[in-house]
Each structure stands twice: as structure tokens, then as C-alpha cells.
Amino acid sequence: MTELTIKVDDSLALRFKEIAAKKFRGNDSLAFEHALKSLLSDDERDLVRLEQIVHQIQDEIKKTGGVTGKEIDAYIAAYRLRKNKAAEI
């Protein structure tokens, strides 16, 4: 692993720290890695964003006490029903 030091404007550094704290639990290295990956390709950027969304959803589910398999099945069935009704319109 390589250690990297960069110099940026103070306001940019502060914004980076805020994002790292909010989205990466304060892990600056992980935040920088994701930022760099997002610059490498559109496909990777989409995957990084998807990963972030999945983690956010998982955190929200954990906060509410989790979801059972039966609840997931019910959510999927309700979603499919709404989607089919919307397609009919």
C-alpha cells in the first residue's frame, strides 16, 4: 500500500472530511479510494454508487430491527403488483 499526501484548498478538505464522516464512517482512505474509482470509469462509478446505496439501506434496516424473509417476500409481491398496475396504465 502506498501512502499519499495531497494539498488542497481548506474548504475542499473540509468538504471531503464531511463526506468521509457521513458516507464512510470517517474512513478517509476508503473515501479517497471511492473518489478515485469514480474517476476511473463510468461503470465503476455506478458500482460504487450502488454499493453506497446498499450500505445506506442496510444501515436503515438494522436501525429498525431488521426484516424477516416473509416481510421481504411481501414487499416484493407488493412491488410487483404496483409495477404491473403501472404498466397497465
PDB file of N, CA and C in Angstrom:
ATOM      1  N   MET A   1       0.852  -1.169   0.000  1.00  0.00           N
ATOM      2  CA  MET A   1       0.000   0.000   0.000  1.00  0.00           C
ATOM      3  C   MET A   1       0.898   1.232   0.000  1.00  0.00           C
ATOM      4  N   THR A   2       0.486   2.250  -0.713  1.00  0.00           N
ATOM      5  CA  THR A   2       1.243   3.484  -0.837  1.00  0.00           C
ATOM      6  C   THR A   2       0.563   4.586  -0.052  1.00  0.00           C
ATOM      7  N   GLU A   3       1.344   5.337   0.694  1.00  0.00           N
ATOM      8  CA  GLU A   3       0.801   6.496   1.403  1.00  0.00           C
ATOM      9  C   GLU A   3       0.881   7.690   0.470  1.00  0.00           C
ATOM     10  N   LEU A   4      -0.185   8.474   0.433  1.00  0.00           N
ATOM     11  CA  LEU A   4      -0.285   9.587  -0.490  1.00  0.00           C
ATOM     12  C   LEU A   4      -0.631  10.850   0.285  1.00  0.00           C
ATOM     13  N   THR A   5       0.093  11.916   0.016  1.00  0.00           N
ATOM     14  CA  THR A   5      -0.204  13.200   0.632  1.00  0.00           C
ATOM     15  C   THR A   5      -0.565  14.180  -0.479  1.00  0.00           C
ATOM     16  N   ILE A   6      -1.703  14.859  -0.312  1.00  0.00           N
ATOM     17  CA  ILE A   6      -2.117  15.830  -1.315  1.00  0.00           C
ATOM     18  C   ILE A   6      -2.422  17.152  -0.627  1.00  0.00           C
ATOM     19  N   LYS A   7      -2.236  18.233  -1.363  1.00  0.00           N
ATOM     20  CA  LYS A   7      -2.549  19.561  -0.851  1.00  0.00           C
ATOM     21  C   LYS A   7      -3.740  20.091  -1.612  1.00  0.00           C
ATOM     22  N   VAL A   8      -4.773  20.508  -0.863  1.00  0.00           N
ATOM     23  CA  VAL A   8      -5.982  21.055  -1.466  1.00  0.00           C
ATOM     24  C   VAL A   8      -6.419  22.277  -0.678  1.00  0.00           C
ATOM     25  N   ASP A   9      -7.293  23.048  -1.271  1.00  0.00           N
ATOM     26  CA  ASP A   9      -7.868  24.204  -0.619  1.00  0.00           C
ATOM     27  C   ASP A   9      -8.554  23.766   0.684  1.00  0.00           C
ATOM     28  N   ASP A  10      -8.511  24.592   1.718  1.00  0.00           N
ATOM     29  CA  ASP A  10      -9.088  24.245   3.013  1.00  0.00           C
ATOM     30  C   ASP A  10     -10.571  23.893   2.923  1.00  0.00           C
ATOM     31  N   SER A  11     -11.315  24.641   2.116  1.00  0.00           N
ATOM     32  CA  SER A  11     -12.748  24.370   2.013  1.00  0.00           C
ATOM     33  C   SER A  11     -13.002  23.011   1.363  1.00  0.00           C
ATOM     34  N   LEU A  12     -12.175  22.634   0.398  1.00  0.00           N
ATOM     35  CA  LEU A  12     -12.308  21.334  -0.239  1.00  0.00           C
ATOM     36  C   LEU A  12     -11.952  20.214   0.747  1.00  0.00           C
ATOM     37  N   ALA A  13     -10.909  20.434   1.523  1.00  0.00           N
ATOM     38  CA  ALA A  13     -10.507  19.444   2.521  1.00  0.00           C
ATOM     39  C   ALA A  13     -11.605  19.254   3.565  1.00  0.00           C
ATOM     40  N   LEU A  14     -12.219  20.340   3.988  1.00  0.00           N
ATOM     41  CA  LEU A  14     -13.305  20.261   4.961  1.00  0.00           C
ATOM     42  C   LEU A  14     -14.489  19.492   4.382  1.00  0.00           C
ATOM     43  N   ARG A  15     -14.836  19.789   3.146  1.00  0.00           N
ATOM     44  CA  ARG A  15     -15.950  19.093   2.495  1.00  0.00           C
ATOM     45  C   ARG A  15     -15.658  17.601   2.360  1.00  0.00           C
ATOM     46  N   PHE A  16     -14.410  17.267   2.020  1.00  0.00           N
ATOM     47  CA  PHE A  16     -14.004  15.869   1.916  1.00  0.00           C
ATOM     48  C   PHE A  16     -14.166  15.169   3.267  1.00  0.00           C
ATOM     49  N   LYS A  17     -13.740  15.821   4.329  1.00  0.00           N
ATOM     50  CA  LYS A  17     -13.854  15.250   5.680  1.00  0.00           C
ATOM     51  C   LYS A  17     -15.321  15.024   6.042  1.00  0.00           C
ATOM     52  N   GLU A  18     -16.184  15.969   5.676  1.00  0.00           N
ATOM     53  CA  GLU A  18     -17.614  15.834   5.965  1.00  0.00           C
ATOM     54  C   GLU A  18     -18.203  14.629   5.236  1.00  0.00           C
ATOM     55  N   ILE A  19     -17.840  14.483   3.971  1.00  0.00           N
ATOM     56  CA  ILE A  19     -18.334  13.351   3.182  1.00  0.00           C
ATOM     57  C   ILE A  19     -17.798  12.043   3.746  1.00  0.00           C
ATOM     58  N   ALA A  20     -16.511  12.018   4.078  1.00  0.00           N
ATOM     59  CA  ALA A  20     -15.913  10.809   4.636  1.00  0.00           C
ATOM     60  C   ALA A  20     -16.594  10.420   5.948  1.00  0.00           C
ATOM     61  N   ALA A  21     -16.899  11.410   6.766  1.00  0.00           N
ATOM     62  CA  ALA A  21     -17.563  11.133   8.045  1.00  0.00           C
ATOM     63  C   ALA A  21     -18.970  10.599   7.828  1.00  0.00           C
ATOM     64  N   LYS A  22     -19.679  11.187   6.892  1.00  0.00           N
ATOM     65  CA  LYS A  22     -21.084  10.828   6.667  1.00  0.00           C
ATOM     66  C   LYS A  22     -21.241   9.506   5.928  1.00  0.00           C
ATOM     67  N   LYS A  23     -20.492   9.342   4.849  1.00  0.00           N
ATOM     68  CA  LYS A  23     -20.718   8.188   3.982  1.00  0.00           C
ATOM     69  C   LYS A  23     -19.748   7.032   4.202  1.00  0.00           C
ATOM     70  N   PHE A  24     -18.620   7.307   4.843  1.00  0.00           N
ATOM     71  CA  PHE A  24     -17.607   6.263   5.007  1.00  0.00           C
ATOM     72  C   PHE A  24     -17.169   6.095   6.460  1.00  0.00           C
ATOM     73  N   ARG A  25     -18.048   6.530   7.367  1.00  0.00           N
ATOM     74  CA  ARG A  25     -17.801   6.390   8.811  1.00  0.00           C
ATOM     75  C   ARG A  25     -16.443   6.951   9.221  1.00  0.00           C
ATOM     76  N   GLY A  26     -16.053   8.046   8.586  1.00  0.00           N
ATOM     77  CA  GLY A  26     -14.818   8.730   8.944  1.00  0.00           C
ATOM     78  C   GLY A  26     -13.556   8.121   8.360  1.00  0.00           C
ATOM     79  N   ASN A  27     -13.699   7.124   7.521  1.00  0.00           N
ATOM     80  CA  ASN A  27     -12.545   6.459   6.929  1.00  0.00           C
ATOM     81  C   ASN A  27     -12.088   7.244   5.693  1.00  0.00           C
ATOM     82  N   ASP A  28     -11.100   8.139   5.885  1.00  0.00           N
ATOM     83  CA  ASP A  28     -10.612   8.974   4.792  1.00  0.00           C
ATOM     84  C   ASP A  28     -10.027   8.152   3.646  1.00  0.00           C
ATOM     85  N   SER A  29      -9.324   7.089   3.982  1.00  0.00           N
ATOM     86  CA  SER A  29      -8.713   6.256   2.943  1.00  0.00           C
ATOM     87  C   SER A  29      -9.763   5.619   2.057  1.00  0.00           C
ATOM     88  N   LEU A  30     -10.807   5.103   2.676  1.00  0.00           N
ATOM     89  CA  LEU A  30     -11.875   4.486   1.904  1.00  0.00           C
ATOM     90  C   LEU A  30     -12.597   5.535   1.056  1.00  0.00           C
ATOM     91  N   ALA A  31     -12.826   6.713   1.616  1.00  0.00           N
ATOM     92  CA  ALA A  31     -13.486   7.790   0.872  1.00  0.00           C
ATOM     93  C   ALA A  31     -12.642   8.182  -0.337  1.00  0.00           C
ATOM     94  N   PHE A  32     -11.348   8.305  -0.152  1.00  0.00           N
ATOM     95  CA  PHE A  32     -10.470   8.683  -1.265  1.00  0.00           C
ATOM     96  C   PHE A  32     -10.438   7.574  -2.320  1.00  0.00           C
ATOM     97  N   GLU A  33     -10.399   6.326  -1.873  1.00  0.00           N
ATOM     98  CA  GLU A  33     -10.398   5.202  -2.811  1.00  0.00           C
ATOM     99  C   GLU A  33     -11.659   5.222  -3.675  1.00  0.00           C
ATOM    100  N   HIS A  34     -12.800   5.462  -3.055  1.00  0.00           N
ATOM    101  CA  HIS A  34     -14.054   5.519  -3.812  1.00  0.00           C
ATOM    102  C   HIS A  34     -14.071   6.720  -4.748  1.00  0.00           C
ATOM    103  N   ALA A  35     -13.537   7.845  -4.301  1.00  0.00           N
ATOM    104  CA  ALA A  35     -13.482   9.030  -5.158  1.00  0.00           C
ATOM    105  C   ALA A  35     -12.615   8.750  -6.390  1.00  0.00           C
ATOM    106  N   LEU A  36     -11.484   8.117  -6.179  1.00  0.00           N
ATOM    107  CA  LEU A  36     -10.596   7.797  -7.297  1.00  0.00           C
ATOM    108  C   LEU A  36     -11.247   6.801  -8.250  1.00  0.00           C
ATOM    109  N   LYS A  37     -11.905   5.795  -7.699  1.00  0.00           N
ATOM    110  CA  LYS A  37     -12.579   4.817  -8.544  1.00  0.00           C
ATOM    111  C   LYS A  37     -13.657   5.485  -9.396  1.00  0.00           C
ATOM    112  N   SER A  38     -14.312   6.466  -8.834  1.00  0.00           N
ATOM    113  CA  SER A  38     -15.369   7.128  -9.597  1.00  0.00           C
ATOM    114  C   SER A  38     -14.810   7.902 -10.780  1.00  0.00           C
ATOM    115  N   LEU A  39     -13.551   8.262 -10.718  1.00  0.00           N
ATOM    116  CA  LEU A  39     -12.918   8.960 -11.830  1.00  0.00           C
ATOM    117  C   LEU A  39     -12.404   8.001 -12.908  1.00  0.00           C
ATOM    118  N   LEU A  40     -12.251   6.745 -12.570  1.00  0.00           N
ATOM    119  CA  LEU A  40     -11.653   5.795 -13.493  1.00  0.00           C
ATOM    120  C   LEU A  40     -12.570   5.383 -14.632  1.00  0.00           C
ATOM    121  N   SER A  41     -13.829   5.127 -14.340  1.00  0.00           N
ATOM    122  CA  SER A  41     -14.750   4.736 -15.404  1.00  0.00           C
ATOM    123  C   SER A  41     -16.186   4.911 -14.942  1.00  0.00           C
ATOM    124  N   ASP A  42     -17.065   5.084 -15.900  1.00  0.00           N
ATOM    125  CA  ASP A  42     -18.484   5.222 -15.588  1.00  0.00           C
ATOM    126  C   ASP A  42     -19.020   3.953 -14.945  1.00  0.00           C
ATOM    127  N   ASP A  43     -18.591   2.792 -15.440  1.00  0.00           N
ATOM    128  CA  ASP A  43     -19.072   1.532 -14.886  1.00  0.00           C
ATOM    129  C   ASP A  43     -18.703   1.410 -13.415  1.00  0.00           C
ATOM    130  N   GLU A  44     -17.451   1.711 -13.084  1.00  0.00           N
ATOM    131  CA  GLU A  44     -17.032   1.627 -11.692  1.00  0.00           C
ATOM    132  C   GLU A  44     -17.766   2.656 -10.846  1.00  0.00           C
ATOM    133  N   ARG A  45     -18.009   3.827 -11.395  1.00  0.00           N
ATOM    134  CA  ARG A  45     -18.714   4.863 -10.651  1.00  0.00           C
ATOM    135  C   ARG A  45     -20.111   4.385 -10.290  1.00  0.00           C
ATOM    136  N   ASP A  46     -20.766   3.734 -11.243  1.00  0.00           N
ATOM    137  CA  ASP A  46     -22.098   3.199 -10.983  1.00  0.00           C
ATOM    138  C   ASP A  46     -22.056   2.128  -9.902  1.00  0.00           C
ATOM    139  N   LEU A  47     -21.054   1.268  -9.950  1.00  0.00           N
ATOM    140  CA  LEU A  47     -20.929   0.220  -8.945  1.00  0.00           C
ATOM    141  C   LEU A  47     -20.647   0.799  -7.559  1.00  0.00           C
ATOM    142  N   VAL A  48     -19.811   1.827  -7.502  1.00  0.00           N
ATOM    143  CA  VAL A  48     -19.505   2.473  -6.225  1.00  0.00           C
ATOM    144  C   VAL A  48     -20.762   3.099  -5.652  1.00  0.00           C
ATOM    145  N   ARG A  49     -21.522   3.777  -6.483  1.00  0.00           N
ATOM    146  CA  ARG A  49     -22.768   4.409  -6.027  1.00  0.00           C
ATOM    147  C   ARG A  49     -23.763   3.358  -5.563  1.00  0.00           C
ATOM    148  N   LEU A  50     -23.872   2.260  -6.306  1.00  0.00           N
ATOM    149  CA  LEU A  50     -24.754   1.176  -5.910  1.00  0.00           C
ATOM    150  C   LEU A  50     -24.331   0.612  -4.549  1.00  0.00           C
ATOM    151  N   GLU A  51     -23.038   0.429  -4.369  1.00  0.00           N
ATOM    152  CA  GLU A  51     -22.521  -0.084  -3.094  1.00  0.00           C
ATOM    153  C   GLU A  51     -22.884   0.862  -1.946  1.00  0.00           C
ATOM    154  N   GLN A  52     -22.749   2.163  -2.171  1.00  0.00           N
ATOM    155  CA  GLN A  52     -23.103   3.137  -1.145  1.00  0.00           C
ATOM    156  C   GLN A  52     -24.591   3.071  -0.814  1.00  0.00           C
ATOM    157  N   ILE A  53     -25.414   2.966  -1.837  1.00  0.00           N
ATOM    158  CA  ILE A  53     -26.860   2.884  -1.621  1.00  0.00           C
ATOM    159  C   ILE A  53     -27.211   1.621  -0.838  1.00  0.00           C
ATOM    160  N   VAL A  54     -26.596   0.512  -1.200  1.00  0.00           N
ATOM    161  CA  VAL A  54     -26.858  -0.746  -0.500  1.00  0.00           C
ATOM    162  C   VAL A  54     -26.478  -0.623   0.971  1.00  0.00           C
ATOM    163  N   HIS A  55     -25.332  -0.026   1.251  1.00  0.00           N
ATOM    164  CA  HIS A  55     -24.907   0.153   2.651  1.00  0.00           C
ATOM    165  C   HIS A  55     -25.873   1.058   3.409  1.00  0.00           C
ATOM    166  N   GLN A  56     -26.343   2.108   2.764  1.00  0.00           N
ATOM    167  CA  GLN A  56     -27.302   3.000   3.416  1.00  0.00           C
ATOM    168  C   GLN A  56     -28.598   2.266   3.735  1.00  0.00           C
ATOM    169  N   ILE A  57     -29.068   1.462   2.799  1.00  0.00           N
ATOM    170  CA  ILE A  57     -30.291   0.693   3.016  1.00  0.00           C
ATOM    171  C   ILE A  57     -30.080  -0.315   4.144  1.00  0.00           C
ATOM    172  N   GLN A  58     -28.942  -1.004   4.128  1.00  0.00           N
ATOM    173  CA  GLN A  58     -28.653  -1.971   5.185  1.00  0.00           C
ATOM    174  C   GLN A  58     -28.614  -1.306   6.549  1.00  0.00           C
ATOM    175  N   ASP A  59     -28.003  -0.139   6.633  1.00  0.00           N
ATOM    176  CA  ASP A  59     -27.945   0.588   7.905  1.00  0.00           C
ATOM    177  C   ASP A  59     -29.339   0.963   8.392  1.00  0.00           C
ATOM    178  N   GLU A  60     -30.193   1.431   7.482  1.00  0.00           N
ATOM    179  CA  GLU A  60     -31.563   1.799   7.850  1.00  0.00           C
ATOM    180  C   GLU A  60     -32.351   0.586   8.329  1.00  0.00           C
ATOM    181  N   ILE A  61     -32.167  -0.540   7.656  1.00  0.00           N
ATOM    182  CA  ILE A  61     -32.869  -1.763   8.056  1.00  0.00           C
ATOM    183  C   ILE A  61     -32.404  -2.205   9.440  1.00  0.00           C
ATOM    184  N   LYS A  62     -31.105  -2.147   9.694  1.00  0.00           N
ATOM    185  CA  LYS A  62     -30.574  -2.525  11.007  1.00  0.00           C
ATOM    186  C   LYS A  62     -31.128  -1.618  12.101  1.00  0.00           C
ATOM    187  N   LYS A  63     -31.245  -0.331  11.812  1.00  0.00           N
ATOM    188  CA  LYS A  63     -31.766   0.627  12.796  1.00  0.00           C
ATOM    189  C   LYS A  63     -33.197   0.311  13.199  1.00  0.00           C
ATOM    190  N   THR A  64     -33.975  -0.237  12.260  1.00  0.00           N
ATOM    191  CA  THR A  64     -35.378  -0.527  12.542  1.00  0.00           C
ATOM    192  C   THR A  64     -35.583  -1.930  13.093  1.00  0.00           C
ATOM    193  N   GLY A  65     -34.516  -2.672  13.292  1.00  0.00           N
ATOM    194  CA  GLY A  65     -34.634  -4.002  13.885  1.00  0.00           C
ATOM    195  C   GLY A  65     -34.599  -5.155  12.908  1.00  0.00           C
ATOM    196  N   GLY A  66     -34.352  -4.880  11.654  1.00  0.00           N
ATOM    197  CA  GLY A  66     -34.214  -5.940  10.661  1.00  0.00           C
ATOM    198  C   GLY A  66     -35.513  -6.274   9.960  1.00  0.00           C
ATOM    199  N   VAL A  67     -35.427  -7.199   9.015  1.00  0.00           N
ATOM    200  CA  VAL A  67     -36.569  -7.618   8.210  1.00  0.00           C
ATOM    201  C   VAL A  67     -36.521  -9.139   8.091  1.00  0.00           C
ATOM    202  N   THR A  68     -37.684  -9.770   8.231  1.00  0.00           N
ATOM    203  CA  THR A  68     -37.751 -11.228   8.092  1.00  0.00           C
ATOM    204  C   THR A  68     -37.893 -11.601   6.624  1.00  0.00           C
ATOM    205  N   GLY A  69     -37.658 -12.865   6.336  1.00  0.00           N
ATOM    206  CA  GLY A  69     -37.822 -13.364   4.978  1.00  0.00           C
ATOM    207  C   GLY A  69     -39.246 -13.201   4.481  1.00  0.00           C
ATOM    208  N   LYS A  70     -40.221 -13.432   5.367  1.00  0.00           N
ATOM    209  CA  LYS A  70     -41.623 -13.280   4.982  1.00  0.00           C
ATOM    210  C   LYS A  70     -41.937 -11.824   4.647  1.00  0.00           C
ATOM    211  N   GLU A  71     -41.364 -10.899   5.400  1.00  0.00           N
ATOM    212  CA  GLU A  71     -41.579  -9.477   5.114  1.00  0.00           C
ATOM    213  C   GLU A  71     -40.985  -9.102   3.761  1.00  0.00           C
ATOM    214  N   ILE A  72     -39.809  -9.617   3.462  1.00  0.00           N
ATOM    215  CA  ILE A  72     -39.173  -9.344   2.168  1.00  0.00           C
ATOM    216  C   ILE A  72     -40.050  -9.868   1.038  1.00  0.00           C
ATOM    217  N   ASP A  73     -40.559 -11.097   1.191  1.00  0.00           N
ATOM    218  CA  ASP A  73     -41.442 -11.667   0.167  1.00  0.00           C
ATOM    219  C   ASP A  73     -42.682 -10.801  -0.030  1.00  0.00           C
ATOM    220  N   ALA A  74     -43.255 -10.312   1.073  1.00  0.00           N
ATOM    221  CA  ALA A  74     -44.444  -9.459   0.987  1.00  0.00           C
ATOM    222  C   ALA A  74     -44.116  -8.142   0.286  1.00  0.00           C
ATOM    223  N   TYR A  75     -42.958  -7.554   0.596  1.00  0.00           N
ATOM    224  CA  TYR A  75     -42.538  -6.305  -0.066  1.00  0.00           C
ATOM    225  C   TYR A  75     -42.355  -6.517  -1.566  1.00  0.00           C
ATOM    226  N   ILE A  76     -41.748  -7.627  -1.929  1.00  0.00           N
ATOM    227  CA  ILE A  76     -41.523  -7.920  -3.349  1.00  0.00           C
ATOM    228  C   ILE A  76     -42.853  -8.114  -4.069  1.00  0.00           C
ATOM    229  N   ALA A  77     -43.761  -8.854  -3.447  1.00  0.00           N
ATOM    230  CA  ALA A  77     -45.077  -9.081  -4.060  1.00  0.00           C
ATOM    231  C   ALA A  77     -45.819  -7.767  -4.241  1.00  0.00           C
ATOM    232  N   ALA A  78     -45.777  -6.896  -3.234  1.00  0.00           N
ATOM    233  CA  ALA A  78     -46.450  -5.597  -3.329  1.00  0.00           C
ATOM    234  C   ALA A  78     -45.814  -4.738  -4.416  1.00  0.00           C
ATOM    235  N   TYR A  79     -44.493  -4.766  -4.508  1.00  0.00           N
ATOM    236  CA  TYR A  79     -43.789  -4.004  -5.535  1.00  0.00           C
ATOM    237  C   TYR A  79     -44.199  -4.481  -6.928  1.00  0.00           C
ATOM    238  N   ARG A  80     -44.218  -5.792  -7.105  1.00  0.00           N
ATOM    239  CA  ARG A  80     -44.579  -6.342  -8.420  1.00  0.00           C
ATOM    240  C   ARG A  80     -46.013  -5.989  -8.793  1.00  0.00           C
ATOM    241  N   LEU A  81     -46.885  -6.012  -7.807  1.00  0.00           N
ATOM    242  CA  LEU A  81     -48.280  -5.653  -8.066  1.00  0.00           C
ATOM    243  C   LEU A  81     -48.387  -4.191  -8.506  1.00  0.00           C
ATOM    244  N   ARG A  82     -47.701  -3.294  -7.808  1.00  0.00           N
ATOM    245  CA  ARG A  82     -47.695  -1.877  -8.183  1.00  0.00           C
ATOM    246  C   ARG A  82     -47.092  -1.673  -9.573  1.00  0.00           C
ATOM    247  N   LYS A  83     -46.023  -2.381  -9.837  1.00  0.00           N
ATOM    248  CA  LYS A  83     -45.346  -2.257 -11.143  1.00  0.00           C
ATOM    249  C   LYS A  83     -46.259  -2.736 -12.267  1.00  0.00           C
ATOM    250  N   ASN A  84     -46.939  -3.848 -12.060  1.00  0.00           N
ATOM    251  CA  ASN A  84     -47.859  -4.374 -13.085  1.00  0.00           C
ATOM    252  C   ASN A  84     -49.028  -3.421 -13.310  1.00  0.00           C
ATOM    253  N   LYS A  85     -49.562  -2.846 -12.231  1.00  0.00           N
ATOM    254  CA  LYS A  85     -50.667  -1.891 -12.372  1.00  0.00           C
ATOM    255  C   LYS A  85     -50.210  -0.643 -13.128  1.00  0.00           C
ATOM    256  N   ALA A  86     -49.009  -0.185 -12.828  1.00  0.00           N
ATOM    257  CA  ALA A  86     -48.473   0.993 -13.504  1.00  0.00           C
ATOM    258  C   ALA A  86     -48.256   0.730 -14.987  1.00  0.00           C
ATOM    259  N   ALA A  87     -47.849  -0.475 -15.318  1.00  0.00           N
ATOM    260  CA  ALA A  87     -47.613  -0.839 -16.732  1.00  0.00           C
ATOM    261  C   ALA A  87     -48.920  -0.895 -17.515  1.00  0.00           C
ATOM    262  N   GLU A  88     -50.021  -1.173 -16.827  1.00  0.00           N
ATOM    263  CA  GLU A  88     -51.318  -1.252 -17.488  1.00  0.00           C
ATOM    264  C   GLU A  88     -51.858   0.113 -17.868  1.00  0.00           C
ATOM    265  N   ILE A  89     -51.411   1.131 -17.184  1.00  0.00           N
ATOM    266  CA  ILE A  89     -51.920   2.494 -17.405  1.00  0.00           C
ATOM    267  C   ILE A  89     -51.361   3.103 -18.660  1.00  0.00           C
TER     268      ILE A  89
END
